[in-house]
Each structure stands twice: as C-alpha cells, then as structure tokens.
Amino acid sequence: MENKITCSLEDYLEAIYFLQEKNIDVRVTDLADKLNISKPSVNRAINNLKKQNLVEHENYGLLKLTEKGLAFAKNVAMRHIVLKKFLHDLLGVDKEVAEIEACNIEHSVCNDTICKLQKYLKKVGL
C-alpha cells in the first residue's frame, strides 16, 4: 500500500528533479544543502520515497528518480514554474518572495486550476 505524498516529499522530488535538470549527480548531501535540512532528515524522506517506487538510491550512492518519480516531479515543477511566473511576471511580486510563495501554493492548487492559469499566462503573452 502506498503512502500519501506529503508536501514535504513533493519538495524532495522537485529538488531532485531541478538538480538533475542541471546535470548534477544528486547525493543526499546535495539535497540536504539545497533544502537546508539535515542529512538524517533527507535519508528518512528518501527511504519513504524508495518504498513508494519514486526514487532509486543505494547507500552512499546517487539519487535517481524512477519513471513514476520523474512524472510526479515534473508535475510539481511545472506547477511551481507557472505559479512563480504568475506571481512575479504578472503580479510583480518580488522574485525571492514569488519563489517562496510558489513553493507553498504549488501543493494546494489542483491541476485544472494550474492548466487554466497556464493558458491565461500564454494569452497575455507570458
């Protein structure tokens, strides 16, 4: 039986995704640094993600998103990017504030709303 993907676990998947997009070999230490949390906390989360078949990880090795994890992470990342663009580019929210708020909002907005927001941003040329 799968556990629920919490907001925190979504953040881990998204962070792994963004690091991998930069062609960075992701290790527990990299994730701890990016998320500004302890390595033991990262290890607990990674073990949870492994149980849900979202991440592959050998002890002291690289972290890699599974196909299922990649699809999930891409969705979270897309939500983040759309929300940040809306907040910063359309509303004029400070870039750093938009980053933080997009990270918070991305967990509570449904996919339909994100799709409509994305269409609106395209309509206004963003």
C-alpha atoms as a PDB file:
ATOM      1  CA  MET A   1       0.000   0.000   0.000  1.00  0.00           C
ATOM      2  CA  GLU A   2       1.342   3.422  -0.960  1.00  0.00           C
ATOM      3  CA  ASN A   3       1.660   6.265   1.486  1.00  0.00           C
ATOM      4  CA  LYS A   4       0.367   9.706   0.682  1.00  0.00           C
ATOM      5  CA  ILE A   5       2.861  12.017  -0.939  1.00  0.00           C
ATOM      6  CA  THR A   6       3.142  14.875   1.532  1.00  0.00           C
ATOM      7  CA  CYS A   7       4.070  18.448   0.643  1.00  0.00           C
ATOM      8  CA  SER A   8       7.493  17.777   2.097  1.00  0.00           C
ATOM      9  CA  LEU A   9       8.018  14.693  -0.069  1.00  0.00           C
ATOM     10  CA  GLU A  10       6.880  16.663  -3.110  1.00  0.00           C
ATOM     11  CA  ASP A  11       9.610  19.184  -2.287  1.00  0.00           C
ATOM     12  CA  TYR A  12      12.216  16.409  -2.232  1.00  0.00           C
ATOM     13  CA  LEU A  13      11.096  15.090  -5.616  1.00  0.00           C
ATOM     14  CA  GLU A  14      11.074  18.589  -7.082  1.00  0.00           C
ATOM     15  CA  ALA A  15      14.551  19.364  -5.703  1.00  0.00           C
ATOM     16  CA  ILE A  16      15.978  16.140  -7.140  1.00  0.00           C
ATOM     17  CA  TYR A  17      14.353  16.974 -10.469  1.00  0.00           C
ATOM     18  CA  PHE A  18      15.756  20.520 -10.610  1.00  0.00           C
ATOM     19  CA  LEU A  19      19.248  19.323  -9.653  1.00  0.00           C
ATOM     20  CA  GLN A  20      19.148  16.568 -12.273  1.00  0.00           C
ATOM     21  CA  GLU A  21      17.986  19.103 -14.871  1.00  0.00           C
ATOM     22  CA  LYS A  22      21.250  20.972 -14.176  1.00  0.00           C
ATOM     23  CA  ASN A  23      23.141  17.717 -14.886  1.00  0.00           C
ATOM     24  CA  ILE A  24      24.157  17.416 -11.250  1.00  0.00           C
ATOM     25  CA  ASP A  25      24.706  13.917  -9.836  1.00  0.00           C
ATOM     26  CA  VAL A  26      22.431  14.135  -6.826  1.00  0.00           C
ATOM     27  CA  ARG A  27      23.531  12.766  -3.474  1.00  0.00           C
ATOM     28  CA  VAL A  28      21.933  13.039  -0.045  1.00  0.00           C
ATOM     29  CA  THR A  29      24.346  15.862   0.836  1.00  0.00           C
ATOM     30  CA  ASP A  30      23.310  17.867  -2.249  1.00  0.00           C
ATOM     31  CA  LEU A  31      19.666  17.522  -1.344  1.00  0.00           C
ATOM     32  CA  ALA A  32      20.310  18.466   2.286  1.00  0.00           C
ATOM     33  CA  ASP A  33      22.182  21.580   1.132  1.00  0.00           C
ATOM     34  CA  LYS A  34      19.516  22.594  -1.408  1.00  0.00           C
ATOM     35  CA  LEU A  35      16.648  22.153   1.051  1.00  0.00           C
ATOM     36  CA  ASN A  36      18.660  23.437   4.024  1.00  0.00           C
ATOM     37  CA  ILE A  37      17.886  20.393   6.172  1.00  0.00           C
ATOM     38  CA  SER A  38      19.876  17.660   7.899  1.00  0.00           C
ATOM     39  CA  LYS A  39      21.185  14.565   6.136  1.00  0.00           C
ATOM     40  CA  PRO A  40      19.295  12.240   8.517  1.00  0.00           C
ATOM     41  CA  SER A  41      16.050  14.006   7.554  1.00  0.00           C
ATOM     42  CA  VAL A  42      16.883  13.543   3.875  1.00  0.00           C
ATOM     43  CA  ASN A  43      17.649   9.862   4.459  1.00  0.00           C
ATOM     44  CA  ARG A  44      14.277   9.312   6.158  1.00  0.00           C
ATOM     45  CA  ALA A  45      12.443  11.010   3.297  1.00  0.00           C
ATOM     46  CA  ILE A  46      14.419   9.122   0.647  1.00  0.00           C
ATOM     47  CA  ASN A  47      13.594   5.811   2.329  1.00  0.00           C
ATOM     48  CA  ASN A  48       9.918   6.754   2.207  1.00  0.00           C
ATOM     49  CA  LEU A  49      10.199   7.723  -1.476  1.00  0.00           C
ATOM     50  CA  LYS A  50      12.018   4.448  -2.227  1.00  0.00           C
ATOM     51  CA  LYS A  51       9.174   2.463  -0.635  1.00  0.00           C
ATOM     52  CA  GLN A  52       6.775   4.252  -2.970  1.00  0.00           C
ATOM     53  CA  ASN A  53       8.946   3.490  -6.016  1.00  0.00           C
ATOM     54  CA  LEU A  54       9.603   7.177  -6.692  1.00  0.00           C
ATOM     55  CA  VAL A  55      13.372   7.228  -6.100  1.00  0.00           C
ATOM     56  CA  GLU A  56      16.245   4.788  -6.528  1.00  0.00           C
ATOM     57  CA  HIS A  57      19.131   5.053  -4.084  1.00  0.00           C
ATOM     58  CA  GLU A  58      21.899   2.770  -2.932  1.00  0.00           C
ATOM     59  CA  ASN A  59      23.549   3.582   0.390  1.00  0.00           C
ATOM     60  CA  TYR A  60      26.016   6.442  -0.123  1.00  0.00           C
ATOM     61  CA  GLY A  61      25.200   6.431  -3.849  1.00  0.00           C
ATOM     62  CA  LEU A  62      23.407   8.728  -6.242  1.00  0.00           C
ATOM     63  CA  LEU A  63      19.722   9.534  -6.038  1.00  0.00           C
ATOM     64  CA  LYS A  64      17.720   8.941  -9.176  1.00  0.00           C
ATOM     65  CA  LEU A  65      14.057   9.490  -9.880  1.00  0.00           C
ATOM     66  CA  THR A  66      12.200   6.441 -11.145  1.00  0.00           C
ATOM     67  CA  GLU A  67       9.910   6.866 -14.155  1.00  0.00           C
ATOM     68  CA  LYS A  68       6.986   7.295 -11.747  1.00  0.00           C
ATOM     69  CA  GLY A  69       9.007   9.730  -9.609  1.00  0.00           C
ATOM     70  CA  LEU A  70      10.072  11.726 -12.662  1.00  0.00           C
ATOM     71  CA  ALA A  71       6.471  12.127 -13.831  1.00  0.00           C
ATOM     72  CA  PHE A  72       5.430  13.254 -10.354  1.00  0.00           C
ATOM     73  CA  ALA A  73       8.396  15.636 -10.009  1.00  0.00           C
ATOM     74  CA  LYS A  74       7.793  17.169 -13.455  1.00  0.00           C
ATOM     75  CA  ASN A  75       4.205  17.911 -12.471  1.00  0.00           C
ATOM     76  CA  VAL A  76       5.249  19.590  -9.221  1.00  0.00           C
ATOM     77  CA  ALA A  77       7.993  21.554 -11.019  1.00  0.00           C
ATOM     78  CA  MET A  78       5.568  22.726 -13.723  1.00  0.00           C
ATOM     79  CA  ARG A  79       3.121  23.911 -11.062  1.00  0.00           C
ATOM     80  CA  HIS A  80       5.933  25.787  -9.323  1.00  0.00           C
ATOM     81  CA  ILE A  81       7.127  27.446 -12.530  1.00  0.00           C
ATOM     82  CA  VAL A  82       3.610  28.530 -13.566  1.00  0.00           C
ATOM     83  CA  LEU A  83       2.842  29.948 -10.135  1.00  0.00           C
ATOM     84  CA  LYS A  84       6.169  31.751  -9.886  1.00  0.00           C
ATOM     85  CA  LYS A  85       5.657  33.257 -13.344  1.00  0.00           C
ATOM     86  CA  PHE A  86       2.160  34.397 -12.373  1.00  0.00           C
ATOM     87  CA  LEU A  87       3.308  35.915  -9.089  1.00  0.00           C
ATOM     88  CA  HIS A  88       6.482  37.575 -10.354  1.00  0.00           C
ATOM     89  CA  ASP A  89       5.898  38.357 -14.028  1.00  0.00           C
ATOM     90  CA  LEU A  90       2.198  39.211 -13.903  1.00  0.00           C
ATOM     91  CA  LEU A  91       1.594  40.480 -10.378  1.00  0.00           C
ATOM     92  CA  GLY A  92       5.036  41.998  -9.827  1.00  0.00           C
ATOM     93  CA  VAL A  93       5.771  40.127  -6.606  1.00  0.00           C
ATOM     94  CA  ASP A  94       9.465  40.290  -5.668  1.00  0.00           C
ATOM     95  CA  LYS A  95      11.351  37.374  -7.263  1.00  0.00           C
ATOM     96  CA  GLU A  96      12.512  35.828  -3.979  1.00  0.00           C
ATOM     97  CA  VAL A  97       9.060  36.175  -2.417  1.00  0.00           C
ATOM     98  CA  ALA A  98       7.451  34.707  -5.551  1.00  0.00           C
ATOM     99  CA  GLU A  99       9.823  31.726  -5.280  1.00  0.00           C
ATOM    100  CA  ILE A 100       8.849  31.037  -1.673  1.00  0.00           C
ATOM    101  CA  GLU A 101       5.141  31.577  -2.230  1.00  0.00           C
ATOM    102  CA  ALA A 102       5.053  29.450  -5.384  1.00  0.00           C
ATOM    103  CA  CYS A 103       6.624  26.630  -3.370  1.00  0.00           C
ATOM    104  CA  ASN A 104       3.897  26.947  -0.756  1.00  0.00           C
ATOM    105  CA  ILE A 105       0.973  27.313  -3.170  1.00  0.00           C
ATOM    106  CA  GLU A 106       2.017  24.517  -5.568  1.00  0.00           C
ATOM    107  CA  HIS A 107       0.919  21.904  -3.041  1.00  0.00           C
ATOM    108  CA  SER A 108      -2.650  23.126  -2.678  1.00  0.00           C
ATOM    109  CA  VAL A 109      -3.773  24.114  -6.174  1.00  0.00           C
ATOM    110  CA  CYS A 110      -5.428  21.479  -8.354  1.00  0.00           C
ATOM    111  CA  ASN A 111      -4.131  20.584 -11.818  1.00  0.00           C
ATOM    112  CA  ASP A 112      -7.193  22.091 -13.506  1.00  0.00           C
ATOM    113  CA  THR A 113      -6.507  25.469 -11.909  1.00  0.00           C
ATOM    114  CA  ILE A 114      -2.829  25.306 -12.926  1.00  0.00           C
ATOM    115  CA  CYS A 115      -3.808  24.476 -16.533  1.00  0.00           C
ATOM    116  CA  LYS A 116      -6.214  27.435 -16.626  1.00  0.00           C
ATOM    117  CA  LEU A 117      -3.571  29.704 -15.127  1.00  0.00           C
ATOM    118  CA  GLN A 118      -1.034  28.487 -17.679  1.00  0.00           C
ATOM    119  CA  LYS A 119      -3.481  29.189 -20.535  1.00  0.00           C
ATOM    120  CA  TYR A 120      -4.120  32.662 -19.148  1.00  0.00           C
ATOM    121  CA  LEU A 121      -0.400  33.404 -18.934  1.00  0.00           C
ATOM    122  CA  LYS A 122       0.007  32.364 -22.579  1.00  0.00           C
ATOM    123  CA  LYS A 123      -2.994  34.519 -23.543  1.00  0.00           C
ATOM    124  CA  VAL A 124      -1.352  37.604 -22.001  1.00  0.00           C
ATOM    125  CA  GLY A 125       1.997  36.766 -23.603  1.00  0.00           C
ATOM    126  CA  LEU A 126       3.904  35.384 -20.615  1.00  0.00           C
END
